[in-house]
Amino acid sequence: MNGIELSPQAAQQSWRGNLHEVVGNMNLSISTAAREIAQEP
C-alpha cells in the first residue's frame, strides 16, 4: 500500500527535480550568452 502511495510522489519529485535542473541550465546558457554579447565591441 505504501509503495503504491509513494510511487507517484517520488515520480513527481523526480520530475520537478529534472525540470528545475533544465530551467537552471537554460538560465545558465542565457546568462552566458548575454555575457558573451556584452563583451562584443
C-alpha atoms as a PDB file:
ATOM      1  CA  MET A   1       0.000   0.000   0.000  1.00  0.00           C
ATOM      2  CA  ASN A   2       2.703   2.453   0.980  1.00  0.00           C
ATOM      3  CA  GLY A   3       4.700   1.632  -2.148  1.00  0.00           C
ATOM      4  CA  ILE A   4       1.726   2.488  -4.350  1.00  0.00           C
ATOM      5  CA  GLU A   5       1.178   5.755  -2.481  1.00  0.00           C
ATOM      6  CA  LEU A   6       4.864   6.637  -2.574  1.00  0.00           C
ATOM      7  CA  SER A   7       5.473   5.975  -6.276  1.00  0.00           C
ATOM      8  CA  PRO A   8       3.557   8.980  -7.713  1.00  0.00           C
ATOM      9  CA  GLN A   9       5.082  11.280  -5.094  1.00  0.00           C
ATOM     10  CA  ALA A  10       8.606  10.045  -5.837  1.00  0.00           C
ATOM     11  CA  ALA A  11       7.968  10.370  -9.574  1.00  0.00           C
ATOM     12  CA  GLN A  12       6.656  13.903  -9.079  1.00  0.00           C
ATOM     13  CA  GLN A  13       9.706  14.868  -7.013  1.00  0.00           C
ATOM     14  CA  SER A  14      11.982  13.393  -9.676  1.00  0.00           C
ATOM     15  CA  TRP A  15      10.103  15.230 -12.436  1.00  0.00           C
ATOM     16  CA  ARG A  16      10.272  18.514 -10.527  1.00  0.00           C
ATOM     17  CA  GLY A  17      13.971  17.988  -9.886  1.00  0.00           C
ATOM     18  CA  ASN A  18      14.610  17.386 -13.593  1.00  0.00           C
ATOM     19  CA  LEU A  19      12.518  20.404 -14.559  1.00  0.00           C
ATOM     20  CA  HIS A  20      14.401  22.574 -12.049  1.00  0.00           C
ATOM     21  CA  GLU A  21      17.696  21.345 -13.494  1.00  0.00           C
ATOM     22  CA  VAL A  22      16.588  22.074 -17.078  1.00  0.00           C
ATOM     23  CA  VAL A  23      15.416  25.580 -16.130  1.00  0.00           C
ATOM     24  CA  GLY A  24      18.689  26.179 -14.282  1.00  0.00           C
ATOM     25  CA  ASN A  25      20.681  25.067 -17.323  1.00  0.00           C
ATOM     26  CA  MET A  26      18.601  27.333 -19.574  1.00  0.00           C
ATOM     27  CA  ASN A  27      19.188  30.295 -17.257  1.00  0.00           C
ATOM     28  CA  LEU A  28      22.914  29.498 -17.212  1.00  0.00           C
ATOM     29  CA  SER A  29      23.022  29.327 -21.024  1.00  0.00           C
ATOM     30  CA  ILE A  30      21.114  32.611 -21.342  1.00  0.00           C
ATOM     31  CA  SER A  31      23.360  34.419 -18.862  1.00  0.00           C
ATOM     32  CA  THR A  32      26.463  33.002 -20.573  1.00  0.00           C
ATOM     33  CA  ALA A  33      25.217  34.163 -23.981  1.00  0.00           C
ATOM     34  CA  ALA A  34      24.316  37.567 -22.548  1.00  0.00           C
ATOM     35  CA  ARG A  35      27.803  37.871 -21.074  1.00  0.00           C
ATOM     36  CA  GLU A  36      29.387  36.999 -24.433  1.00  0.00           C
ATOM     37  CA  ILE A  37      27.151  39.506 -26.241  1.00  0.00           C
ATOM     38  CA  ALA A  38      28.007  42.190 -23.671  1.00  0.00           C
ATOM     39  CA  GLN A  39      31.721  41.627 -24.332  1.00  0.00           C
ATOM     40  CA  GLU A  40      31.288  42.291 -28.056  1.00  0.00           C
ATOM     41  CA  PRO A  41      32.725  45.700 -29.037  1.00  0.00           C
END
